[in-house]
Amino acid sequence: MRLRSEIWVHAYMRRAQAEGCAAYVVRRGDPHAGAILICIAGTAGTSLFTPVPADEPDGERAWRERIAAAPESAAQVARHVEKEASFDPDIWVIEIEDRDNRNFLGDWLKSDADRTGSP
């Protein structure tokens, strides 16, 4: 059974805050099953992490980096978030401010190679 979105968001934010980062809910979504977008703002720019479909039977969340941090990426992230929100009113948007651009996703982070099965 998948953890409720609201609980996952608050736990994730506490993890980032415990590491000295500022964490904000920019947009509050459906507390039970809203999709979650994670923006990481740092000195390298802003990156965006989006969910990938869970292949695990237990519904474990998985993420991928949709937009990599770059000096001009903040505007690109904002456009993507706005587009997602326009067709999914239930999404959550979290912003983490960390000068080192850490994402705190650990084993949940999947690469494109993980999704395609290629090396």
PDB file of N, CA and C in Angstrom:
ATOM      1  N   MET A   1       0.843  -1.183   0.000  1.00  0.00           N
ATOM      2  CA  MET A   1       0.000   0.000   0.000  1.00  0.00           C
ATOM      3  C   MET A   1       0.887   1.244   0.000  1.00  0.00           C
ATOM      4  N   ARG A   2       0.557   2.168  -0.847  1.00  0.00           N
ATOM      5  CA  ARG A   2       1.339   3.392  -0.969  1.00  0.00           C
ATOM      6  C   ARG A   2       0.988   4.372   0.147  1.00  0.00           C
ATOM      7  N   LEU A   3       2.007   5.016   0.672  1.00  0.00           N
ATOM      8  CA  LEU A   3       1.843   6.034   1.697  1.00  0.00           C
ATOM      9  C   LEU A   3       1.097   7.233   1.117  1.00  0.00           C
ATOM     10  N   ARG A   4       0.198   7.807   1.883  1.00  0.00           N
ATOM     11  CA  ARG A   4      -0.538   8.992   1.424  1.00  0.00           C
ATOM     12  C   ARG A   4       0.418  10.101   1.007  1.00  0.00           C
ATOM     13  N   SER A   5       0.055  10.835  -0.015  1.00  0.00           N
ATOM     14  CA  SER A   5       0.912  11.908  -0.532  1.00  0.00           C
ATOM     15  C   SER A   5       1.259  12.929   0.542  1.00  0.00           C
ATOM     16  N   GLU A   6       0.276  13.339   1.309  1.00  0.00           N
ATOM     17  CA  GLU A   6       0.502  14.363   2.332  1.00  0.00           C
ATOM     18  C   GLU A   6       1.545  13.908   3.355  1.00  0.00           C
ATOM     19  N   ILE A   7       1.467  12.672   3.779  1.00  0.00           N
ATOM     20  CA  ILE A   7       2.426  12.144   4.758  1.00  0.00           C
ATOM     21  C   ILE A   7       3.815  12.062   4.130  1.00  0.00           C
ATOM     22  N   TRP A   8       3.897  11.580   2.879  1.00  0.00           N
ATOM     23  CA  TRP A   8       5.180  11.472   2.202  1.00  0.00           C
ATOM     24  C   TRP A   8       5.824  12.854   2.050  1.00  0.00           C
ATOM     25  N   VAL A   9       5.036  13.845   1.655  1.00  0.00           N
ATOM     26  CA  VAL A   9       5.549  15.209   1.464  1.00  0.00           C
ATOM     27  C   VAL A   9       6.142  15.738   2.764  1.00  0.00           C
ATOM     28  N   HIS A  10       5.422  15.598   3.858  1.00  0.00           N
ATOM     29  CA  HIS A  10       5.906  16.131   5.136  1.00  0.00           C
ATOM     30  C   HIS A  10       7.155  15.391   5.615  1.00  0.00           C
ATOM     31  N   ALA A  11       7.210  14.096   5.414  1.00  0.00           N
ATOM     32  CA  ALA A  11       8.400  13.330   5.796  1.00  0.00           C
ATOM     33  C   ALA A  11       9.599  13.743   4.946  1.00  0.00           C
ATOM     34  N   TYR A  12       9.397  13.907   3.655  1.00  0.00           N
ATOM     35  CA  TYR A  12      10.473  14.321   2.755  1.00  0.00           C
ATOM     36  C   TYR A  12      10.994  15.712   3.139  1.00  0.00           C
ATOM     37  N   MET A  13      10.079  16.619   3.442  1.00  0.00           N
ATOM     38  CA  MET A  13      10.484  17.963   3.835  1.00  0.00           C
ATOM     39  C   MET A  13      11.276  17.944   5.143  1.00  0.00           C
ATOM     40  N   ARG A  14      10.877  17.125   6.084  1.00  0.00           N
ATOM     41  CA  ARG A  14      11.623  17.018   7.343  1.00  0.00           C
ATOM     42  C   ARG A  14      13.028  16.488   7.111  1.00  0.00           C
ATOM     43  N   ARG A  15      13.157  15.554   6.176  1.00  0.00           N
ATOM     44  CA  ARG A  15      14.476  15.008   5.827  1.00  0.00           C
ATOM     45  C   ARG A  15      15.374  16.125   5.319  1.00  0.00           C
ATOM     46  N   ALA A  16      14.865  16.951   4.414  1.00  0.00           N
ATOM     47  CA  ALA A  16      15.647  18.056   3.867  1.00  0.00           C
ATOM     48  C   ALA A  16      15.966  19.093   4.949  1.00  0.00           C
ATOM     49  N   GLN A  17      14.991  19.398   5.786  1.00  0.00           N
ATOM     50  CA  GLN A  17      15.202  20.373   6.848  1.00  0.00           C
ATOM     51  C   GLN A  17      16.229  19.878   7.860  1.00  0.00           C
ATOM     52  N   ALA A  18      16.247  18.585   8.119  1.00  0.00           N
ATOM     53  CA  ALA A  18      17.228  18.014   9.047  1.00  0.00           C
ATOM     54  C   ALA A  18      18.652  18.182   8.522  1.00  0.00           C
ATOM     55  N   GLU A  19      18.797  18.334   7.209  1.00  0.00           N
ATOM     56  CA  GLU A  19      20.104  18.550   6.586  1.00  0.00           C
ATOM     57  C   GLU A  19      20.408  20.037   6.407  1.00  0.00           C
ATOM     58  N   GLY A  20      19.574  20.907   6.999  1.00  0.00           N
ATOM     59  CA  GLY A  20      19.824  22.342   6.970  1.00  0.00           C
ATOM     60  C   GLY A  20      19.251  23.086   5.786  1.00  0.00           C
ATOM     61  N   CYS A  21      18.338  22.473   5.060  1.00  0.00           N
ATOM     62  CA  CYS A  21      17.732  23.110   3.883  1.00  0.00           C
ATOM     63  C   CYS A  21      16.390  23.735   4.243  1.00  0.00           C
ATOM     64  N   ALA A  22      16.023  24.745   3.483  1.00  0.00           N
ATOM     65  CA  ALA A  22      14.680  25.302   3.595  1.00  0.00           C
ATOM     66  C   ALA A  22      13.773  24.461   2.691  1.00  0.00           C
ATOM     67  N   ALA A  23      12.584  24.151   3.173  1.00  0.00           N
ATOM     68  CA  ALA A  23      11.644  23.323   2.409  1.00  0.00           C
ATOM     69  C   ALA A  23      10.266  23.956   2.475  1.00  0.00           C
ATOM     70  N   TYR A  24       9.611  24.026   1.314  1.00  0.00           N
ATOM     71  CA  TYR A  24       8.305  24.682   1.222  1.00  0.00           C
ATOM     72  C   TYR A  24       7.334  23.844   0.407  1.00  0.00           C
ATOM     73  N   VAL A  25       6.069  23.888   0.811  1.00  0.00           N
ATOM     74  CA  VAL A  25       5.008  23.364  -0.043  1.00  0.00           C
ATOM     75  C   VAL A  25       4.553  24.551  -0.879  1.00  0.00           C
ATOM     76  N   VAL A  26       4.842  24.527  -2.168  1.00  0.00           N
ATOM     77  CA  VAL A  26       4.486  25.614  -3.075  1.00  0.00           C
ATOM     78  C   VAL A  26       3.048  25.453  -3.541  1.00  0.00           C
ATOM     79  N   ARG A  27       2.629  24.203  -3.662  1.00  0.00           N
ATOM     80  CA  ARG A  27       1.253  23.909  -4.082  1.00  0.00           C
ATOM     81  C   ARG A  27       0.796  22.664  -3.333  1.00  0.00           C
ATOM     82  N   ARG A  28      -0.337  22.775  -2.672  1.00  0.00           N
ATOM     83  CA  ARG A  28      -0.902  21.656  -1.924  1.00  0.00           C
ATOM     84  C   ARG A  28      -1.864  20.893  -2.823  1.00  0.00           C
ATOM     85  N   GLY A  29      -1.639  19.584  -2.921  1.00  0.00           N
ATOM     86  CA  GLY A  29      -2.471  18.751  -3.768  1.00  0.00           C
ATOM     87  C   GLY A  29      -3.411  17.870  -2.970  1.00  0.00           C
ATOM     88  N   ASP A  30      -3.892  16.838  -3.616  1.00  0.00           N
ATOM     89  CA  ASP A  30      -4.779  15.888  -2.962  1.00  0.00           C
ATOM     90  C   ASP A  30      -4.013  15.172  -1.851  1.00  0.00           C
ATOM     91  N   PRO A  31      -4.535  15.162  -0.627  1.00  0.00           N
ATOM     92  CA  PRO A  31      -3.796  14.567   0.488  1.00  0.00           C
ATOM     93  C   PRO A  31      -3.621  13.057   0.383  1.00  0.00           C
ATOM     94  N   HIS A  32      -4.465  12.400  -0.373  1.00  0.00           N
ATOM     95  CA  HIS A  32      -4.398  10.943  -0.449  1.00  0.00           C
ATOM     96  C   HIS A  32      -3.524  10.438  -1.590  1.00  0.00           C
ATOM     97  N   ALA A  33      -3.705  10.973  -2.781  1.00  0.00           N
ATOM     98  CA  ALA A  33      -3.036  10.375  -3.933  1.00  0.00           C
ATOM     99  C   ALA A  33      -2.529  11.385  -4.953  1.00  0.00           C
ATOM    100  N   GLY A  34      -2.346  12.631  -4.570  1.00  0.00           N
ATOM    101  CA  GLY A  34      -1.858  13.620  -5.518  1.00  0.00           C
ATOM    102  C   GLY A  34      -0.422  13.330  -5.943  1.00  0.00           C
ATOM    103  N   ALA A  35      -0.134  13.549  -7.219  1.00  0.00           N
ATOM    104  CA  ALA A  35       1.243  13.407  -7.704  1.00  0.00           C
ATOM    105  C   ALA A  35       2.099  14.492  -7.063  1.00  0.00           C
ATOM    106  N   ILE A  36       3.390  14.248  -6.954  1.00  0.00           N
ATOM    107  CA  ILE A  36       4.307  15.164  -6.276  1.00  0.00           C
ATOM    108  C   ILE A  36       5.422  15.559  -7.233  1.00  0.00           C
ATOM    109  N   LEU A  37       5.665  16.861  -7.363  1.00  0.00           N
ATOM    110  CA  LEU A  37       6.792  17.392  -8.121  1.00  0.00           C
ATOM    111  C   LEU A  37       7.757  18.013  -7.117  1.00  0.00           C
ATOM    112  N   ILE A  38       9.055  17.793  -7.315  1.00  0.00           N
ATOM    113  CA  ILE A  38      10.061  18.301  -6.389  1.00  0.00           C
ATOM    114  C   ILE A  38      11.004  19.229  -7.146  1.00  0.00           C
ATOM    115  N   CYS A  39      11.081  20.480  -6.691  1.00  0.00           N
ATOM    116  CA  CYS A  39      11.993  21.463  -7.263  1.00  0.00           C
ATOM    117  C   CYS A  39      13.146  21.653  -6.277  1.00  0.00           C
ATOM    118  N   ILE A  40      14.370  21.579  -6.785  1.00  0.00           N
ATOM    119  CA  ILE A  40      15.549  21.797  -5.957  1.00  0.00           C
ATOM    120  C   ILE A  40      16.236  23.054  -6.477  1.00  0.00           C
ATOM    121  N   ALA A  41      16.273  24.099  -5.657  1.00  0.00           N
ATOM    122  CA  ALA A  41      16.893  25.366  -6.047  1.00  0.00           C
ATOM    123  C   ALA A  41      18.221  25.498  -5.317  1.00  0.00           C
ATOM    124  N   GLY A  42      19.279  25.690  -6.103  1.00  0.00           N
ATOM    125  CA  GLY A  42      20.606  25.812  -5.517  1.00  0.00           C
ATOM    126  C   GLY A  42      21.495  26.695  -6.355  1.00  0.00           C
ATOM    127  N   THR A  43      22.773  26.703  -6.031  1.00  0.00           N
ATOM    128  CA  THR A  43      23.708  27.571  -6.734  1.00  0.00           C
ATOM    129  C   THR A  43      23.909  27.162  -8.186  1.00  0.00           C
ATOM    130  N   ALA A  44      23.688  25.895  -8.517  1.00  0.00           N
ATOM    131  CA  ALA A  44      23.849  25.440  -9.906  1.00  0.00           C
ATOM    132  C   ALA A  44      22.621  25.725 -10.758  1.00  0.00           C
ATOM    133  N   GLY A  45      21.534  26.154 -10.122  1.00  0.00           N
ATOM    134  CA  GLY A  45      20.281  26.388 -10.829  1.00  0.00           C
ATOM    135  C   GLY A  45      19.170  25.607 -10.169  1.00  0.00           C
ATOM    136  N   THR A  46      18.064  25.450 -10.859  1.00  0.00           N
ATOM    137  CA  THR A  46      16.907  24.737 -10.329  1.00  0.00           C
ATOM    138  C   THR A  46      16.712  23.450 -11.112  1.00  0.00           C
ATOM    139  N   SER A  47      16.511  22.361 -10.390  1.00  0.00           N
ATOM    140  CA  SER A  47      16.222  21.085 -11.044  1.00  0.00           C
ATOM    141  C   SER A  47      14.815  20.650 -10.659  1.00  0.00           C
ATOM    142  N   LEU A  48      14.252  19.770 -11.475  1.00  0.00           N
ATOM    143  CA  LEU A  48      12.898  19.280 -11.237  1.00  0.00           C
ATOM    144  C   LEU A  48      12.905  17.765 -11.278  1.00  0.00           C
ATOM    145  N   PHE A  49      12.300  17.163 -10.268  1.00  0.00           N
ATOM    146  CA  PHE A  49      12.163  15.711 -10.184  1.00  0.00           C
ATOM    147  C   PHE A  49      10.688  15.371 -10.239  1.00  0.00           C
ATOM    148  N   THR A  50      10.356  14.398 -11.085  1.00  0.00           N
ATOM    149  CA  THR A  50       8.969  14.000 -11.276  1.00  0.00           C
ATOM    150  C   THR A  50       8.827  12.509 -10.998  1.00  0.00           C
ATOM    151  N   PRO A  51       7.620  12.071 -10.636  1.00  0.00           N
ATOM    152  CA  PRO A  51       7.419  10.650 -10.351  1.00  0.00           C
ATOM    153  C   PRO A  51       7.448   9.807 -11.619  1.00  0.00           C
ATOM    154  N   VAL A  52       7.860   8.569 -11.457  1.00  0.00           N
ATOM    155  CA  VAL A  52       7.758   7.585 -12.537  1.00  0.00           C
ATOM    156  C   VAL A  52       6.782   6.520 -12.067  1.00  0.00           C
ATOM    157  N   PRO A  53       6.115   5.859 -12.992  1.00  0.00           N
ATOM    158  CA  PRO A  53       5.174   4.813 -12.585  1.00  0.00           C
ATOM    159  C   PRO A  53       5.880   3.741 -11.750  1.00  0.00           C
ATOM    160  N   ALA A  54       5.228   3.328 -10.701  1.00  0.00           N
ATOM    161  CA  ALA A  54       5.807   2.320  -9.809  1.00  0.00           C
ATOM    162  C   ALA A  54       5.632   0.932 -10.396  1.00  0.00           C
ATOM    163  N   ASP A  55       6.733   0.213 -10.521  1.00  0.00           N
ATOM    164  CA  ASP A  55       6.697  -1.169 -10.990  1.00  0.00           C
ATOM    165  C   ASP A  55       6.563  -2.143  -9.829  1.00  0.00           C
ATOM    166  N   GLU A  56       6.801  -1.630  -8.636  1.00  0.00           N
ATOM    167  CA  GLU A  56       6.790  -2.489  -7.457  1.00  0.00           C
ATOM    168  C   GLU A  56       5.350  -2.747  -7.009  1.00  0.00           C
ATOM    169  N   PRO A  57       5.038  -3.978  -6.586  1.00  0.00           N
ATOM    170  CA  PRO A  57       3.679  -4.269  -6.126  1.00  0.00           C
ATOM    171  C   PRO A  57       3.295  -3.501  -4.866  1.00  0.00           C
ATOM    172  N   ASP A  58       4.297  -3.087  -4.072  1.00  0.00           N
ATOM    173  CA  ASP A  58       3.979  -2.355  -2.847  1.00  0.00           C
ATOM    174  C   ASP A  58       3.738  -0.870  -3.110  1.00  0.00           C
ATOM    175  N   GLY A  59       3.875  -0.432  -4.374  1.00  0.00           N
ATOM    176  CA  GLY A  59       3.587   0.955  -4.720  1.00  0.00           C
ATOM    177  C   GLY A  59       4.675   1.922  -4.311  1.00  0.00           C
ATOM    178  N   GLU A  60       5.899   1.446  -4.108  1.00  0.00           N
ATOM    179  CA  GLU A  60       7.020   2.310  -3.726  1.00  0.00           C
ATOM    180  C   GLU A  60       7.184   3.437  -4.741  1.00  0.00           C
ATOM    181  N   ARG A  61       7.380   4.645  -4.256  1.00  0.00           N
ATOM    182  CA  ARG A  61       7.558   5.788  -5.145  1.00  0.00           C
ATOM    183  C   ARG A  61       8.936   5.746  -5.803  1.00  0.00           C
ATOM    184  N   ALA A  62       8.993   6.206  -7.031  1.00  0.00           N
ATOM    185  CA  ALA A  62      10.244   6.316  -7.758  1.00  0.00           C
ATOM    186  C   ALA A  62      10.256   7.666  -8.482  1.00  0.00           C
ATOM    187  N   TRP A  63      11.438   8.218  -8.701  1.00  0.00           N
ATOM    188  CA  TRP A  63      11.583   9.562  -9.255  1.00  0.00           C
ATOM    189  C   TRP A  63      12.621   9.574 -10.361  1.00  0.00           C
ATOM    190  N   ARG A  64      12.534  10.569 -11.216  1.00  0.00           N
ATOM    191  CA  ARG A  64      13.578  10.817 -12.195  1.00  0.00           C
ATOM    192  C   ARG A  64      13.778  12.320 -12.309  1.00  0.00           C
ATOM    193  N   GLU A  65      14.979  12.682 -12.716  1.00  0.00           N
ATOM    194  CA  GLU A  65      15.274  14.095 -12.912  1.00  0.00           C
ATOM    195  C   GLU A  65      14.725  14.504 -14.274  1.00  0.00           C
ATOM    196  N   ARG A  66      13.737  15.360 -14.275  1.00  0.00           N
ATOM    197  CA  ARG A  66      13.102  15.815 -15.515  1.00  0.00           C
ATOM    198  C   ARG A  66      13.883  16.970 -16.114  1.00  0.00           C
ATOM    199  N   ILE A  67      14.298  17.925 -15.260  1.00  0.00           N
ATOM    200  CA  ILE A  67      15.069  19.075 -15.713  1.00  0.00           C
ATOM    201  C   ILE A  67      16.294  19.184 -14.811  1.00  0.00           C
ATOM    202  N   ALA A  68      17.472  19.166 -15.422  1.00  0.00           N
ATOM    203  CA  ALA A  68      18.719  19.263 -14.663  1.00  0.00           C
ATOM    204  C   ALA A  68      18.998  20.719 -14.294  1.00  0.00           C
ATOM    205  N   ALA A  69      19.679  20.899 -13.168  1.00  0.00           N
ATOM    206  CA  ALA A  69      20.041  22.242 -12.714  1.00  0.00           C
ATOM    207  C   ALA A  69      20.987  22.901 -13.700  1.00  0.00           C
ATOM    208  N   ALA A  70      20.663  24.125 -14.067  1.00  0.00           N
ATOM    209  CA  ALA A  70      21.491  24.948 -14.947  1.00  0.00           C
ATOM    210  C   ALA A  70      21.128  26.401 -14.659  1.00  0.00           C
ATOM    211  N   PRO A  71      22.001  27.348 -15.001  1.00  0.00           N
ATOM    212  CA  PRO A  71      21.698  28.753 -14.695  1.00  0.00           C
ATOM    213  C   PRO A  71      20.347  29.237 -15.219  1.00  0.00           C
ATOM    214  N   GLU A  72      19.903  28.733 -16.369  1.00  0.00           N
ATOM    215  CA  GLU A  72      18.642  29.199 -16.954  1.00  0.00           C
ATOM    216  C   GLU A  72      17.463  28.277 -16.673  1.00  0.00           C
ATOM    217  N   SER A  73      17.649  27.268 -15.823  1.00  0.00           N
ATOM    218  CA  SER A  73      16.622  26.244 -15.651  1.00  0.00           C
ATOM    219  C   SER A  73      15.416  26.677 -14.808  1.00  0.00           C
ATOM    220  N   ALA A  74      15.528  27.705 -13.999  1.00  0.00           N
ATOM    221  CA  ALA A  74      14.406  28.110 -13.138  1.00  0.00           C
ATOM    222  C   ALA A  74      13.156  28.427 -13.951  1.00  0.00           C
ATOM    223  N   ALA A  75      13.315  29.149 -15.049  1.00  0.00           N
ATOM    224  CA  ALA A  75      12.158  29.490 -15.894  1.00  0.00           C
ATOM    225  C   ALA A  75      11.576  28.237 -16.534  1.00  0.00           C
ATOM    226  N   GLN A  76      12.432  27.333 -16.948  1.00  0.00           N
ATOM    227  CA  GLN A  76      11.976  26.080 -17.560  1.00  0.00           C
ATOM    228  C   GLN A  76      11.200  25.241 -16.544  1.00  0.00           C
ATOM    229  N   VAL A  77      11.696  25.182 -15.316  1.00  0.00           N
ATOM    230  CA  VAL A  77      10.992  24.443 -14.253  1.00  0.00           C
ATOM    231  C   VAL A  77       9.641  25.080 -13.991  1.00  0.00           C
ATOM    232  N   ALA A  78       9.590  26.398 -13.893  1.00  0.00           N
ATOM    233  CA  ALA A  78       8.322  27.098 -13.637  1.00  0.00           C
ATOM    234  C   ALA A  78       7.299  26.807 -14.733  1.00  0.00           C
ATOM    235  N   ARG A  79       7.735  26.805 -15.989  1.00  0.00           N
ATOM    236  CA  ARG A  79       6.812  26.508 -17.099  1.00  0.00           C
ATOM    237  C   ARG A  79       6.292  25.074 -17.008  1.00  0.00           C
ATOM    238  N   HIS A  80       7.181  24.146 -16.682  1.00  0.00           N
ATOM    239  CA  HIS A  80       6.766  22.752 -16.590  1.00  0.00           C
ATOM    240  C   HIS A  80       5.755  22.559 -15.450  1.00  0.00           C
ATOM    241  N   VAL A  81       6.023  23.154 -14.306  1.00  0.00           N
ATOM    242  CA  VAL A  81       5.113  23.037 -13.163  1.00  0.00           C
ATOM    243  C   VAL A  81       3.759  23.646 -13.501  1.00  0.00           C
ATOM    244  N   GLU A  82       3.764  24.803 -14.143  1.00  0.00           N
ATOM    245  CA  GLU A  82       2.512  25.460 -14.533  1.00  0.00           C
ATOM    246  C   GLU A  82       1.714  24.581 -15.500  1.00  0.00           C
ATOM    247  N   LYS A  83       2.401  23.973 -16.448  1.00  0.00           N
ATOM    248  CA  LYS A  83       1.742  23.091 -17.411  1.00  0.00           C
ATOM    249  C   LYS A  83       1.124  21.883 -16.709  1.00  0.00           C
ATOM    250  N   GLU A  84       1.881  21.260 -15.817  1.00  0.00           N
ATOM    251  CA  GLU A  84       1.365  20.100 -15.069  1.00  0.00           C
ATOM    252  C   GLU A  84       0.136  20.488 -14.247  1.00  0.00           C
ATOM    253  N   ALA A  85       0.205  21.625 -13.566  1.00  0.00           N
ATOM    254  CA  ALA A  85      -0.903  22.072 -12.720  1.00  0.00           C
ATOM    255  C   ALA A  85      -2.146  22.410 -13.535  1.00  0.00           C
ATOM    256  N   SER A  86      -1.954  22.799 -14.793  1.00  0.00           N
ATOM    257  CA  SER A  86      -3.111  23.164 -15.615  1.00  0.00           C
ATOM    258  C   SER A  86      -3.997  21.964 -15.941  1.00  0.00           C
ATOM    259  N   PHE A  87      -3.427  20.762 -15.994  1.00  0.00           N
ATOM    260  CA  PHE A  87      -4.266  19.599 -16.281  1.00  0.00           C
ATOM    261  C   PHE A  87      -4.368  18.622 -15.113  1.00  0.00           C
ATOM    262  N   ASP A  88      -3.651  18.865 -14.024  1.00  0.00           N
ATOM    263  CA  ASP A  88      -3.773  18.020 -12.832  1.00  0.00           C
ATOM    264  C   ASP A  88      -3.862  18.902 -11.590  1.00  0.00           C
ATOM    265  N   PRO A  89      -5.074  19.272 -11.186  1.00  0.00           N
ATOM    266  CA  PRO A  89      -5.231  20.165 -10.030  1.00  0.00           C
ATOM    267  C   PRO A  89      -4.869  19.514  -8.695  1.00  0.00           C
ATOM    268  N   ASP A  90      -4.597  18.213  -8.697  1.00  0.00           N
ATOM    269  CA  ASP A  90      -4.308  17.503  -7.453  1.00  0.00           C
ATOM    270  C   ASP A  90      -2.819  17.371  -7.144  1.00  0.00           C
ATOM    271  N   ILE A  91      -1.933  17.995  -7.953  1.00  0.00           N
ATOM    272  CA  ILE A  91      -0.503  17.802  -7.725  1.00  0.00           C
ATOM    273  C   ILE A  91       0.009  18.610  -6.540  1.00  0.00           C
ATOM    274  N   TRP A  92       1.047  18.080  -5.931  1.00  0.00           N
ATOM    275  CA  TRP A  92       1.812  18.759  -4.899  1.00  0.00           C
ATOM    276  C   TRP A  92       3.079  19.284  -5.560  1.00  0.00           C
ATOM    277  N   VAL A  93       3.532  20.455  -5.142  1.00  0.00           N
ATOM    278  CA  VAL A  93       4.813  20.979  -5.596  1.00  0.00           C
ATOM    279  C   VAL A  93       5.601  21.360  -4.344  1.00  0.00           C
ATOM    280  N   ILE A  94       6.769  20.742  -4.219  1.00  0.00           N
ATOM    281  CA  ILE A  94       7.667  21.006  -3.093  1.00  0.00           C
ATOM    282  C   ILE A  94       8.877  21.745  -3.629  1.00  0.00           C
ATOM    283  N   GLU A  95       9.362  22.734  -2.891  1.00  0.00           N
ATOM    284  CA  GLU A  95      10.611  23.381  -3.252  1.00  0.00           C
ATOM    285  C   GLU A  95      11.589  23.245  -2.103  1.00  0.00           C
ATOM    286  N   ILE A  96      12.796  22.792  -2.440  1.00  0.00           N
ATOM    287  CA  ILE A  96      13.879  22.664  -1.477  1.00  0.00           C
ATOM    288  C   ILE A  96      14.956  23.654  -1.891  1.00  0.00           C
ATOM    289  N   GLU A  97      15.409  24.469  -0.953  1.00  0.00           N
ATOM    290  CA  GLU A  97      16.519  25.377  -1.215  1.00  0.00           C
ATOM    291  C   GLU A  97      17.764  24.787  -0.575  1.00  0.00           C
ATOM    292  N   ASP A  98      18.722  24.425  -1.427  1.00  0.00           N
ATOM    293  CA  ASP A  98      19.962  23.824  -0.957  1.00  0.00           C
ATOM    294  C   ASP A  98      21.094  24.268  -1.861  1.00  0.00           C
ATOM    295  N   ARG A  99      22.071  24.952  -1.310  1.00  0.00           N
ATOM    296  CA  ARG A  99      23.140  25.485  -2.165  1.00  0.00           C
ATOM    297  C   ARG A  99      23.882  24.396  -2.916  1.00  0.00           C
ATOM    298  N   ASP A 100      23.873  23.163  -2.405  1.00  0.00           N
ATOM    299  CA  ASP A 100      24.565  22.056  -3.067  1.00  0.00           C
ATOM    300  C   ASP A 100      23.672  21.264  -4.029  1.00  0.00           C
ATOM    301  N   ASN A 101      22.440  21.683  -4.208  1.00  0.00           N
ATOM    302  CA  ASN A 101      21.485  21.022  -5.110  1.00  0.00           C
ATOM    303  C   ASN A 101      21.260  19.539  -4.779  1.00  0.00           C
ATOM    304  N   ARG A 102      21.270  19.188  -3.491  1.00  0.00           N
ATOM    305  CA  ARG A 102      20.996  17.798  -3.105  1.00  0.00           C
ATOM    306  C   ARG A 102      19.502  17.525  -3.246  1.00  0.00           C
ATOM    307  N   ASN A 103      19.155  16.296  -3.655  1.00  0.00           N
ATOM    308  CA  ASN A 103      17.739  15.979  -3.866  1.00  0.00           C
ATOM    309  C   ASN A 103      17.135  15.086  -2.796  1.00  0.00           C
ATOM    310  N   PHE A 104      17.923  14.441  -1.972  1.00  0.00           N
ATOM    311  CA  PHE A 104      17.453  13.603  -0.864  1.00  0.00           C
ATOM    312  C   PHE A 104      16.541  12.455  -1.316  1.00  0.00           C
ATOM    313  N   LEU A 105      16.705  12.000  -2.541  1.00  0.00           N
ATOM    314  CA  LEU A 105      15.857  10.926  -3.057  1.00  0.00           C
ATOM    315  C   LEU A 105      16.533   9.556  -2.990  1.00  0.00           C
ATOM    316  N   GLY A 106      17.825   9.515  -2.845  1.00  0.00           N
ATOM    317  CA  GLY A 106      18.547   8.258  -2.655  1.00  0.00           C
ATOM    318  C   GLY A 106      18.141   7.151  -3.610  1.00  0.00           C
ATOM    319  N   ASP A 107      17.737   6.009  -3.056  1.00  0.00           N
ATOM    320  CA  ASP A 107      17.372   4.835  -3.855  1.00  0.00           C
ATOM    321  C   ASP A 107      16.091   5.022  -4.663  1.00  0.00           C
ATOM    322  N   TRP A 108      15.336   6.048  -4.366  1.00  0.00           N
ATOM    323  CA  TRP A 108      14.100   6.298  -5.116  1.00  0.00           C
ATOM    324  C   TRP A 108      14.386   6.907  -6.486  1.00  0.00           C
ATOM    325  N   LEU A 109      15.606   7.423  -6.672  1.00  0.00           N
ATOM    326  CA  LEU A 109      15.937   8.097  -7.914  1.00  0.00           C
ATOM    327  C   LEU A 109      16.317   7.079  -8.981  1.00  0.00           C
ATOM    328  N   LYS A 110      15.624   7.132 -10.091  1.00  0.00           N
ATOM    329  CA  LYS A 110      15.851   6.214 -11.208  1.00  0.00           C
ATOM    330  C   LYS A 110      16.436   6.994 -12.372  1.00  0.00           C
ATOM    331  N   SER A 111      17.348   6.380 -13.093  1.00  0.00           N
ATOM    332  CA  SER A 111      17.890   7.000 -14.295  1.00  0.00           C
ATOM    333  C   SER A 111      17.054   6.544 -15.486  1.00  0.00           C
ATOM    334  N   ASP A 112      17.237   7.188 -16.622  1.00  0.00           N
ATOM    335  CA  ASP A 112      16.534   6.765 -17.825  1.00  0.00           C
ATOM    336  C   ASP A 112      16.947   5.354 -18.201  1.00  0.00           C
ATOM    337  N   ALA A 113      18.182   4.967 -17.908  1.00  0.00           N
ATOM    338  CA  ALA A 113      18.640   3.597 -18.187  1.00  0.00           C
ATOM    339  C   ALA A 113      17.853   2.586 -17.337  1.00  0.00           C
ATOM    340  N   ASP A 114      17.515   2.963 -16.093  1.00  0.00           N
ATOM    341  CA  ASP A 114      16.717   2.084 -15.239  1.00  0.00           C
ATOM    342  C   ASP A 114      15.352   1.831 -15.842  1.00  0.00           C
ATOM    343  N   ARG A 115      14.789   2.851 -16.472  1.00  0.00           N
ATOM    344  CA  ARG A 115      13.446   2.729 -17.025  1.00  0.00           C
ATOM    345  C   ARG A 115      13.427   1.960 -18.325  1.00  0.00           C
ATOM    346  N   THR A 116      14.490   2.078 -19.116  1.00  0.00           N
ATOM    347  CA  THR A 116      14.499   1.406 -20.414  1.00  0.00           C
ATOM    348  C   THR A 116      15.168   0.056 -20.378  1.00  0.00           C
ATOM    349  N   GLY A 117      15.930  -0.200 -19.307  1.00  0.00           N
ATOM    350  CA  GLY A 117      16.633  -1.468 -19.197  1.00  0.00           C
ATOM    351  C   GLY A 117      17.933  -1.489 -19.967  1.00  0.00           C
ATOM    352  N   SER A 118      18.336  -0.336 -20.545  1.00  0.00           N
ATOM    353  CA  SER A 118      19.587  -0.282 -21.291  1.00  0.00           C
ATOM    354  C   SER A 118      20.722   0.187 -20.389  1.00  0.00           C
ATOM    355  N   PRO A 119      21.977  -0.122 -20.750  1.00  0.00           N
ATOM    356  CA  PRO A 119      23.105   0.263 -19.911  1.00  0.00           C
ATOM    357  C   PRO A 119      23.369   1.750 -19.924  1.00  0.00           C
TER     358      PRO A 119
END
